[in-house]
Protein backbone atom coordinates (compact mmCIF):
# COMPACT_ATOMS: atom_id res chain seq x y z
CA UNK A 1 -23.32 25.19 13.26
CA UNK A 2 -24.73 21.80 13.22
CA UNK A 3 -24.98 21.28 17.29
CA UNK A 4 -27.45 18.81 18.30
CA UNK A 5 -28.21 16.53 21.14
CA UNK A 6 -28.24 12.70 21.26
CA UNK A 7 -31.10 11.33 22.58
CA UNK A 8 -30.85 9.11 26.03
CA UNK A 9 -29.67 5.39 24.99
CA UNK A 10 -32.70 2.82 24.74
CA UNK A 11 -32.44 -0.54 26.31
CA UNK A 12 -34.14 -3.60 25.17
CA UNK A 13 -33.73 -6.71 27.38
CA UNK A 14 -30.67 -5.24 28.70
CA UNK A 15 -29.20 -4.91 25.18
CA UNK A 16 -28.24 -1.36 24.13
CA UNK A 17 -30.17 -0.31 20.72
CA UNK A 18 -28.53 1.81 18.02
CA UNK A 19 -28.99 5.51 18.41
CA UNK A 20 -31.75 6.83 16.15
CA UNK A 21 -30.82 9.30 13.26
CA UNK A 22 -31.72 12.57 14.73
CA UNK A 23 -30.20 14.79 11.83
CA UNK A 24 -29.09 14.31 8.49
CA UNK A 25 -26.30 17.00 7.05
CA UNK A 26 -25.57 16.84 3.35
CA UNK A 27 -21.48 16.37 2.52
CA UNK A 28 -20.51 17.96 -0.67
CA UNK A 29 -17.10 16.96 -2.26
CA UNK A 30 -15.66 20.38 -3.80
CA UNK A 31 -13.14 20.06 -6.47
CA UNK A 32 -12.47 24.03 -7.26
CA UNK A 33 -9.06 23.76 -5.54
CA UNK A 34 -8.25 20.58 -6.77
CA UNK A 35 -4.46 20.01 -7.32
CA UNK A 36 -3.74 23.42 -5.46
CA UNK A 37 -4.84 23.09 -1.78
CA UNK A 38 -1.86 22.78 0.80
CA UNK A 39 -1.80 22.84 4.38
CA UNK A 40 0.88 24.76 6.18
CA UNK A 41 1.65 23.58 9.67
CA UNK A 42 4.12 25.00 12.12
CA UNK A 43 5.36 24.76 15.70
CA UNK A 44 3.99 26.97 18.51
CA UNK A 45 7.01 29.34 18.34
CA UNK A 46 6.33 30.28 14.71
CA UNK A 47 3.30 32.48 14.69
CA UNK A 48 2.30 31.90 10.80
CA UNK A 49 -1.59 32.57 11.47
CA UNK A 50 -2.96 35.95 10.63
CA UNK A 51 -0.27 37.00 8.41
CA UNK A 52 -0.54 40.04 6.40
CA UNK A 53 0.79 41.12 3.10
CA UNK A 54 3.48 43.20 4.59
CA UNK A 55 5.04 40.82 6.74
CA UNK A 56 5.76 38.41 3.85
CA UNK A 57 8.65 39.84 1.83
CA UNK A 58 8.99 36.78 -0.43
CA UNK A 59 7.42 33.27 -0.99
CA UNK A 60 8.25 30.76 -3.71
CA UNK A 61 7.72 27.13 -3.92
CA UNK A 62 9.13 23.84 -5.78
CA UNK A 63 5.74 22.00 -7.21
CA UNK A 64 6.92 19.02 -7.69
CA UNK A 65 8.70 18.33 -4.58
CA UNK A 66 6.36 20.45 -2.84
CA UNK A 67 8.95 22.68 -0.97
CA UNK A 68 7.79 26.08 0.27
CA UNK A 69 9.71 29.02 1.62
CA UNK A 70 8.30 32.29 3.42
CA UNK A 71 10.36 35.22 4.06
CA UNK A 72 9.06 36.98 7.11
CA UNK A 73 10.08 40.40 7.83
CA UNK A 74 11.06 41.34 11.37
CA UNK A 75 10.18 44.15 13.48
CA UNK A 76 13.51 45.48 14.00
CA UNK A 77 11.71 48.55 15.89
CA UNK A 78 10.90 46.07 18.75
CA UNK A 79 12.44 46.12 22.19
CA UNK A 80 12.98 42.70 21.97
CA UNK A 81 15.11 43.01 19.14
CA UNK A 82 18.74 42.70 19.53
CA UNK A 83 20.57 44.85 16.96
CA UNK A 84 24.25 43.93 17.93
CA UNK A 85 23.58 40.16 17.48
CA UNK A 86 21.68 40.79 14.14
CA UNK A 87 24.78 42.90 13.00
CA UNK A 88 27.04 40.04 13.85
CA UNK A 89 24.83 37.80 11.90
CA UNK A 90 24.40 39.69 8.80
CA UNK A 91 27.82 38.56 7.37
CA UNK A 92 26.60 35.03 7.27
CA UNK A 93 23.18 35.64 6.38
CA UNK A 94 21.99 35.61 2.70
CA UNK A 95 21.76 39.13 1.08
CA UNK A 96 17.83 38.65 1.01
CA UNK A 97 17.74 38.47 4.78
CA UNK A 98 20.24 41.59 5.18
CA UNK A 99 19.15 45.30 5.08
CA UNK A 100 21.98 46.79 3.31
CA UNK A 101 21.67 50.46 4.64
CA UNK A 102 21.59 49.32 8.16
CA UNK A 103 23.53 45.96 7.93
CA UNK A 104 20.97 44.10 10.01
CA UNK A 105 19.49 40.56 9.58
CA UNK A 106 15.97 41.76 9.25
CA UNK A 107 14.20 38.71 7.46
CA UNK A 108 13.44 35.27 8.92
CA UNK A 109 13.29 32.49 6.42
CA UNK A 110 10.88 29.58 6.92
CA UNK A 111 11.61 26.56 5.10
CA UNK A 112 9.07 23.43 4.75
CA UNK A 113 9.45 19.71 5.05
CA UNK A 114 6.85 17.15 4.00
CA UNK A 115 4.64 16.42 7.13
CA UNK A 116 2.80 13.51 5.46
CA UNK A 117 5.27 12.19 2.62
CA UNK A 118 2.65 9.62 0.98
CA UNK A 119 -0.91 9.87 -0.02
CA UNK A 120 -1.77 13.45 1.38
CA UNK A 121 -5.09 13.19 -0.50
CA UNK A 122 -6.47 10.69 2.16
CA UNK A 123 -6.93 14.30 4.14
CA UNK A 124 -9.47 16.92 3.39
CA UNK A 125 -10.41 20.49 4.78
CA UNK A 126 -13.89 20.56 5.72
CA UNK A 127 -15.76 24.02 5.29
CA UNK A 128 -18.94 24.02 7.22
CA UNK A 129 -21.81 26.04 5.40
CA UNK A 130 -25.49 26.37 6.10
CA UNK A 131 -26.23 23.71 3.26
CA UNK A 132 -23.93 21.13 4.53
CA UNK A 133 -20.52 20.57 4.93
CA UNK A 134 -17.96 21.07 1.79
CA UNK A 135 -14.85 18.62 1.42
CA UNK A 136 -11.93 19.82 -0.01
CA UNK A 137 -8.96 16.85 -0.75
CA UNK A 138 -5.57 18.06 0.06
CA UNK A 139 -2.60 17.94 -2.39
CA UNK A 140 0.14 18.36 0.29
CA UNK A 141 0.59 18.77 3.96
CA UNK A 142 3.84 20.62 4.80
CA UNK A 143 5.71 21.67 8.12
CA UNK A 144 7.10 25.34 8.19
CA UNK A 145 10.06 25.75 10.18
CA UNK A 146 12.88 28.66 10.78
CA UNK A 147 15.94 28.04 8.66
CA UNK A 148 19.07 29.44 10.53
CA UNK A 149 21.72 28.64 7.68
CA UNK A 150 23.66 31.97 8.21
CA UNK A 151 24.46 30.55 11.83
CA UNK A 152 26.51 27.90 10.36
CA UNK A 153 28.08 30.26 7.93
CA UNK A 154 29.21 32.63 10.96
CA UNK A 155 30.13 29.78 13.17
CA UNK A 156 32.81 28.18 10.47
CA UNK A 157 33.91 31.80 9.86
CA UNK A 158 34.52 32.59 13.70
CA UNK A 159 36.55 28.98 13.88
CA UNK A 160 38.91 29.83 10.91
CA UNK A 161 39.67 32.88 12.19
CA UNK A 162 40.32 31.92 15.82
CA UNK A 163 41.80 28.57 14.72
CA UNK A 164 43.88 29.51 12.02
CA UNK A 165 44.74 26.92 9.19
CA UNK A 166 43.70 23.44 10.19
CA UNK A 167 46.58 21.07 11.15
CA UNK A 168 47.59 18.25 8.62
CA UNK A 169 48.30 14.92 10.21
CA UNK A 170 50.82 12.77 8.80
CA UNK A 171 49.71 10.25 6.07
CA UNK A 172 49.13 6.85 7.11
CA UNK A 173 48.43 3.79 4.90
CA UNK A 174 44.81 2.88 4.86
CA UNK A 175 43.34 -0.78 3.95
CA UNK A 176 40.06 -0.09 1.97
CA UNK A 177 37.65 -3.12 1.11
CA UNK A 178 34.64 -2.78 -1.24
CA UNK A 179 31.69 -4.90 -0.78
CA UNK A 180 29.74 -6.00 -3.81
CA UNK A 181 26.43 -4.94 -3.63
CA UNK A 182 23.37 -6.81 -4.86
CA UNK A 183 21.26 -5.82 -7.77
CA UNK A 184 18.32 -4.50 -5.29
CA UNK A 185 21.07 -2.25 -3.57
CA UNK A 186 21.90 -0.97 -6.97
CA UNK A 187 18.65 -0.27 -7.97
CA UNK A 188 17.71 1.67 -4.66
CA UNK A 189 20.92 3.79 -4.92
CA UNK A 190 20.12 4.41 -8.46
CA UNK A 191 16.82 5.64 -7.33
CA UNK A 192 18.03 7.99 -4.50
CA UNK A 193 20.57 9.32 -6.96
CA UNK A 194 17.77 10.30 -9.39
CA UNK A 195 15.71 11.54 -6.80
CA UNK A 196 18.60 13.80 -5.71
CA UNK A 197 19.43 15.18 -8.97
CA UNK A 198 15.60 15.85 -9.78
CA UNK A 199 15.71 17.97 -6.51
CA UNK A 200 18.67 19.83 -7.46
CA UNK A 201 17.47 20.51 -10.90
CA UNK A 202 13.91 21.69 -10.02
CA UNK A 203 13.82 25.53 -10.09
CA UNK A 204 12.18 27.73 -7.46
CA UNK A 205 9.08 29.25 -8.75
CA UNK A 206 8.44 32.80 -7.18
CA UNK A 207 4.76 33.48 -5.80
CA UNK A 208 2.84 36.30 -4.58
CA UNK A 209 1.26 36.33 -1.20
CA UNK A 210 -2.17 37.79 -0.46
CA UNK A 211 -3.56 38.69 2.89
CA UNK A 212 -6.88 37.13 3.99
CA UNK A 213 -8.57 40.30 3.38
CA UNK A 214 -7.45 40.61 -0.53
CA UNK A 215 -9.76 40.20 -3.22
CA UNK A 216 -7.94 37.28 -4.65
CA UNK A 217 -7.82 35.32 -1.22
CA UNK A 218 -11.41 35.72 -0.90
CA UNK A 219 -12.18 34.42 -4.43
CA UNK A 220 -9.46 31.29 -3.53
CA UNK A 221 -11.92 30.48 -0.38
CA UNK A 222 -15.17 30.54 -2.68
CA UNK A 223 -13.64 27.94 -4.39
CA UNK A 224 -13.94 25.62 -1.09
CA UNK A 225 -17.42 25.41 -1.48
CA UNK A 226 -19.03 23.15 -3.78
CA UNK A 227 -20.74 24.82 -6.53
CA UNK A 228 -23.32 21.82 -7.32
CA UNK A 229 -25.34 21.70 -4.17
CA UNK A 230 -28.76 21.78 -5.64
CA UNK A 231 -28.89 18.03 -6.70
CA UNK A 232 -31.79 15.92 -5.02
CA UNK A 233 -29.85 13.31 -2.80
CA UNK A 234 -32.62 12.21 -0.96
CA UNK A 235 -32.65 8.71 -2.66
CA UNK A 236 -29.38 7.90 -1.60
CA UNK A 237 -30.64 8.01 2.13
CA UNK A 238 -32.07 4.11 2.14
CA UNK A 239 -33.39 2.57 4.61
CA UNK A 240 -31.66 -0.74 4.21
CA UNK A 241 -27.94 -1.95 3.15
CA UNK A 242 -30.15 -3.88 0.57
CA UNK A 243 -31.74 -1.15 -1.08
CA UNK A 244 -28.78 1.00 -1.16
CA UNK A 245 -26.63 -1.23 -3.85
CA UNK A 246 -29.38 -0.62 -6.64
CA UNK A 247 -29.17 3.25 -5.98
CA UNK A 248 -25.28 3.32 -6.00
CA UNK A 249 -24.85 0.93 -9.04
CA UNK A 250 -28.08 1.53 -10.95
CA UNK A 251 -28.67 -1.45 -13.67
CA UNK A 252 -27.53 -0.83 -16.88
CA UNK A 253 -29.99 -1.32 -19.87
CA UNK A 254 -27.65 -4.04 -21.77
CA UNK A 255 -27.11 -7.17 -19.91
CA UNK A 256 -24.06 -9.10 -19.42
CA UNK A 257 -23.43 -12.33 -21.23
CA UNK A 258 -23.82 -15.72 -19.46
CA UNK A 259 -20.30 -16.72 -20.25
CA UNK A 260 -18.01 -14.77 -17.61
CA UNK A 261 -14.19 -14.30 -18.70
CA UNK A 262 -11.91 -16.15 -16.43
CA UNK A 263 -9.67 -13.00 -16.41
CA UNK A 264 -12.35 -9.97 -16.36
CA UNK A 265 -13.16 -8.46 -12.86
CA UNK A 266 -16.91 -7.71 -12.51
CA UNK A 267 -18.43 -4.93 -10.59
CA UNK A 268 -20.75 -5.45 -7.97
CA UNK A 269 -23.66 -4.21 -10.34
CA UNK A 270 -22.61 -7.31 -12.74
CA UNK A 271 -21.88 -9.68 -10.10
CA UNK A 272 -25.70 -9.22 -8.61
CA UNK A 273 -26.96 -10.45 -12.19
CA UNK A 274 -25.14 -13.64 -12.03
CA UNK A 275 -26.53 -17.04 -10.69
CA UNK A 276 -25.56 -17.72 -7.10
CA UNK A 277 -22.98 -20.34 -7.82
CA UNK A 278 -21.43 -17.96 -10.33
CA UNK A 279 -21.42 -14.94 -7.81
CA UNK A 280 -19.79 -16.96 -4.82
CA UNK A 281 -17.03 -18.36 -7.70
CA UNK A 282 -16.40 -14.69 -9.18
CA UNK A 283 -16.31 -12.94 -5.71
CA UNK A 284 -14.04 -15.76 -4.21
CA UNK A 285 -11.34 -15.33 -7.47
CA UNK A 286 -11.47 -11.71 -6.38
CA UNK A 287 -10.91 -12.14 -2.61
CA UNK A 288 -9.08 -15.46 -2.43
CA UNK A 289 -10.32 -15.90 1.21
CA UNK A 290 -13.35 -14.52 3.33
CA UNK A 291 -15.31 -15.15 6.31
CA UNK A 292 -18.72 -16.67 6.00
CA UNK A 293 -20.25 -13.70 7.64
CA UNK A 294 -18.68 -11.04 5.02
CA UNK A 295 -19.89 -13.19 1.98
CA UNK A 296 -23.48 -13.49 3.22
CA UNK A 297 -23.18 -9.54 3.64
CA UNK A 298 -22.00 -9.21 0.03
CA UNK A 299 -24.81 -11.55 -1.64
CA UNK A 300 -27.63 -9.65 0.35
CA UNK A 301 -30.53 -11.07 1.84
CA UNK A 302 -31.89 -13.22 -1.12
CA UNK A 303 -30.36 -16.31 -0.35
CA UNK A 304 -30.32 -18.83 2.66
CA UNK A 305 -27.22 -19.91 4.52
CA UNK A 306 -27.63 -23.23 2.90
CA UNK A 307 -27.64 -22.21 -0.41
CA UNK A 308 -24.48 -19.98 0.10
CA UNK A 309 -22.62 -23.11 1.85
CA UNK A 310 -23.43 -25.23 -0.77
CA UNK A 311 -22.25 -22.90 -3.51
CA UNK A 312 -19.05 -22.09 -1.06
CA UNK A 313 -18.34 -26.09 -0.97
CA UNK A 314 -17.91 -26.18 -4.75
CA UNK A 315 -15.23 -23.48 -5.06
CA UNK A 316 -13.50 -22.90 -1.66
CA UNK A 317 -11.76 -24.95 1.33
CA UNK A 318 -12.53 -24.51 5.12
CA UNK A 319 -9.27 -23.29 6.85
CA UNK A 320 -9.67 -22.29 10.25
CA UNK A 321 -13.31 -21.70 9.95
CA UNK A 322 -12.44 -19.29 6.97
CA UNK A 323 -13.22 -19.97 3.26
CA UNK A 324 -10.16 -20.13 1.04
CA UNK A 325 -10.49 -20.35 -3.06
CA UNK A 326 -9.74 -23.93 -4.27
CA UNK A 327 -6.10 -24.39 -5.61
CA UNK A 328 -7.54 -25.97 -8.66
CA UNK A 329 -9.20 -22.75 -9.32
CA UNK A 330 -6.31 -20.58 -9.00
CA UNK A 331 -3.71 -22.81 -10.95
CA UNK A 332 -5.41 -24.62 -14.02
CA UNK A 333 -3.56 -27.13 -15.90
CA UNK A 334 -2.39 -24.47 -18.46
CA UNK A 335 -0.95 -22.07 -15.93
CA UNK A 336 2.97 -22.01 -15.84
CA UNK A 337 4.94 -19.47 -13.28
CA UNK A 338 7.51 -17.29 -14.52
CA UNK A 339 9.77 -19.75 -13.08
CA UNK A 340 8.72 -22.92 -15.15
CA UNK A 341 6.54 -24.38 -12.34
CA UNK A 342 3.40 -26.00 -14.14
CA UNK A 343 -0.34 -25.33 -12.62
CA UNK A 344 -0.48 -28.83 -11.16
CA UNK A 345 2.68 -28.38 -8.91
CA UNK A 346 1.60 -25.07 -7.74
CA UNK A 347 -1.81 -26.23 -6.99
CA UNK A 348 -0.73 -29.18 -5.10
CA UNK A 349 2.26 -26.85 -3.18
CA UNK A 350 -0.82 -24.70 -2.10
CA UNK A 351 -2.85 -27.13 -0.61
CA UNK A 352 0.20 -28.50 1.45
CA UNK A 353 0.57 -24.76 2.53
CA UNK A 354 -3.10 -24.51 3.44
CA UNK A 355 -2.62 -27.69 5.31
CA UNK A 356 0.01 -26.22 7.22
CA UNK A 357 -2.11 -23.12 8.30
CA UNK A 358 -4.34 -25.66 9.84
CA UNK A 359 -1.79 -26.77 12.19
CA UNK A 360 0.57 -23.44 12.81
CA UNK A 361 -0.12 -20.08 13.58
CA UNK A 362 2.80 -18.95 11.51
CA UNK A 363 4.75 -20.82 8.71
CA UNK A 364 8.24 -20.04 7.33
CA UNK A 365 8.96 -19.67 3.65
CA UNK A 366 12.17 -21.48 3.40
CA UNK A 367 10.71 -24.52 5.26
CA UNK A 368 7.46 -24.53 2.77
CA UNK A 369 9.85 -24.41 -0.11
CA UNK A 370 11.62 -27.45 0.86
CA UNK A 371 8.69 -29.14 1.75
CA UNK A 372 6.70 -28.38 -1.46
CA UNK A 373 9.88 -28.61 -3.42
CA UNK A 374 8.92 -25.71 -5.60
CA UNK A 375 11.36 -22.11 -5.85
CA UNK A 376 10.70 -19.78 -2.63
CA UNK A 377 9.61 -17.15 -4.96
CA UNK A 378 6.55 -19.00 -6.04
CA UNK A 379 5.74 -19.81 -2.30
CA UNK A 380 5.82 -16.26 -1.47
CA UNK A 381 3.52 -15.52 -4.39
CA UNK A 382 1.28 -17.90 -2.92
CA UNK A 383 1.54 -16.80 0.57
CA UNK A 384 0.98 -12.97 -0.37
CA UNK A 385 -2.76 -13.79 -1.21
CA UNK A 386 -3.72 -15.89 1.99
CA UNK A 387 -1.19 -14.40 4.72
CA UNK A 388 0.84 -11.59 5.95
CA UNK A 389 4.50 -11.16 6.69
CA UNK A 390 5.22 -10.62 10.43
CA UNK A 391 8.88 -9.65 11.15
CA UNK A 392 10.71 -12.09 13.30
CA UNK A 393 7.47 -14.59 13.19
CA UNK A 394 7.04 -16.04 9.70
CA UNK A 395 3.77 -15.88 7.41
CA UNK A 396 0.79 -15.51 9.68
CA UNK A 397 -2.71 -16.39 8.12
CA UNK A 398 -4.59 -13.23 6.96
CA UNK A 399 -7.70 -14.01 9.05
CA UNK A 400 -8.23 -14.92 12.72
CA UNK A 401 -10.19 -18.50 13.27
CA UNK A 402 -13.99 -18.03 12.86
CA UNK A 403 -15.29 -20.11 15.81
CA UNK A 404 -18.59 -18.87 15.38
CA UNK A 405 -19.06 -20.68 12.07
CA UNK A 406 -17.12 -23.74 13.34
CA UNK A 407 -19.61 -23.86 16.25
CA UNK A 408 -22.73 -23.18 14.03
CA UNK A 409 -22.08 -25.73 11.28
CA UNK A 410 -19.53 -28.48 12.87
CA UNK A 411 -20.82 -31.02 10.39
CA UNK A 412 -19.89 -29.03 7.42
CA UNK A 413 -16.28 -28.55 9.22
CA UNK A 414 -15.79 -32.41 9.49
CA UNK A 415 -16.94 -32.76 6.17
CA UNK A 416 -14.51 -30.18 4.62
CA UNK A 417 -11.97 -31.88 6.44
CA UNK A 418 -12.52 -35.19 5.21
CA UNK A 419 -12.50 -33.97 1.77
CA UNK A 420 -9.24 -31.96 2.36
CA UNK A 421 -7.34 -34.88 3.58
CA UNK A 422 -8.61 -37.23 1.14
CA UNK A 423 -7.36 -34.80 -1.54
CA UNK A 424 -3.62 -34.43 0.29
CA UNK A 425 -3.28 -38.09 0.57
CA UNK A 426 -4.44 -38.54 -3.20
CA UNK A 427 -1.73 -35.91 -4.07
CA UNK A 428 0.85 -37.45 -2.04
CA UNK A 429 0.21 -40.90 -3.26
CA UNK A 430 0.38 -39.33 -6.79
CA UNK A 431 3.66 -37.83 -6.07
CA UNK A 432 5.09 -40.88 -4.84
CA UNK A 433 4.16 -42.90 -8.00
CA UNK A 434 5.68 -40.14 -10.05
CA UNK A 435 8.52 -40.28 -8.12
CA UNK A 436 9.09 -43.98 -8.18
CA UNK A 437 8.69 -43.99 -12.12
CA UNK A 438 11.31 -41.08 -12.31
CA UNK A 439 13.53 -43.59 -10.17
CA UNK A 440 12.73 -46.40 -12.52
CA UNK A 441 13.20 -44.34 -15.58
CA UNK A 442 16.78 -42.91 -14.18
CA UNK A 443 17.77 -46.54 -13.52
CA UNK A 444 16.95 -47.58 -17.06
CA UNK A 445 18.80 -44.40 -18.37
CA UNK A 446 21.84 -45.54 -16.39
CA UNK A 447 21.77 -49.10 -17.84
CA UNK A 448 21.15 -48.16 -21.18
CA UNK A 449 24.09 -45.38 -20.86
CA UNK A 450 26.17 -48.38 -19.36
CA UNK A 451 25.30 -50.83 -22.16
CA UNK A 452 26.26 -48.06 -24.88
CA UNK A 453 29.56 -47.66 -23.14
CA UNK A 454 30.04 -51.42 -23.10
CA UNK A 455 29.41 -51.70 -26.90
CA UNK A 456 31.68 -48.62 -27.61
CA UNK A 457 34.66 -50.39 -25.85
CA UNK A 458 33.74 -53.74 -27.56
CA UNK A 459 33.81 -52.07 -31.07
CA UNK A 460 37.07 -50.37 -30.33
CA UNK A 461 38.98 -53.56 -29.18
CA UNK A 462 37.36 -55.25 -32.31
CA UNK A 463 38.86 -52.45 -34.25
CA UNK A 464 42.37 -52.73 -32.60
CA UNK A 465 42.60 -56.72 -33.29
CA UNK A 466 41.59 -56.13 -36.94
CA UNK A 467 44.58 -53.83 -37.60
CA UNK A 468 46.84 -55.84 -35.82
CA UNK A 469 45.90 -58.85 -38.20
CA UNK A 470 46.20 -56.83 -41.20
């Protein structure tokens, strides 16, 4: 319906330019079938397309589990239908599939399984109309396949008839060992048991099937078209990325206060009203790490690169050409982890971890915990923000090295390296002093304990001498 020919590519100085916009097609989001739209898939051997109401004998669904059953009527008059086999299978088939008068299996049952178990709402059905494309989010995608449960029942009956009663072997002593399950395994098993119980307890809901020409089917198809298509959306087609943001997030009459709360998450519209340094600080707190080119794009074209770099140096460290939020802003002095580690120790540990990423592509959590002397769980919480866990490799930094920034600003990279190394040396010196003080304090405590024991022994001897004299 929307066929269009792309113009030939244009070249300027040997560089291919972007294709110009030839046609704009409105896209509408329809919510008429929200929460009720399912997509049925099937193998080529199962013909469910163009089904009429006469072929569907029964249909039912389990809404929570998104399970569907369709009972299809077989063409028993067809020359391809094997009546002898249908009579043999009738003994093991459910009553709904057997014609009582003919004793034949005349119904095929289609059962469903989830084709997309998680987040089916990421997919949508598009309907092309003259006024644009109408998108309808899906509630579920199920795969239909034939169910041959009666074959298992028939096979068991035949085996029991032919083989007779099963032979019983002589009893033998068996040693059984039970391994202790971890709390995580017990919790996982409990979740599976609850899911199984829910599946068993949820009842089937009978439904009514209508063919494509029925008035109810036509009404349901009409819901796939968005009703509110007469709104003027021409102002959303902006010429530049900078002019698109005010249209997407229009400014509100009430201005935000100059004071920004530390725990609040500001929208893009609210961030744009802050001074540059505050914008950079808040964005870094939200992202934790970013490339310079991305941050420059987010801030728009109102600021120069030098202004942005100056603001970054206040709140971030340069790691492999990427900017990472300073540890002191992430863990202040009042912060304490759930494992009892204070903010100063966490900040120092994070700086050491960042230093490790400067010289290593991947790091191991256990080694970092030993190096930083903080619990492994706290190390993992730090790594989650800046690295990805890769199987049999370790934790790898989230972003690749930004060589473009390093080549463009080598003096900034050198200055950042000098500042970061100085901070690390200061932290190491502080830790050495604290360790020395702790060692001296432990020595004093040991001496004090020895004196107390000596005085206690002397007092007991004096007491014994006085008893003898009396």
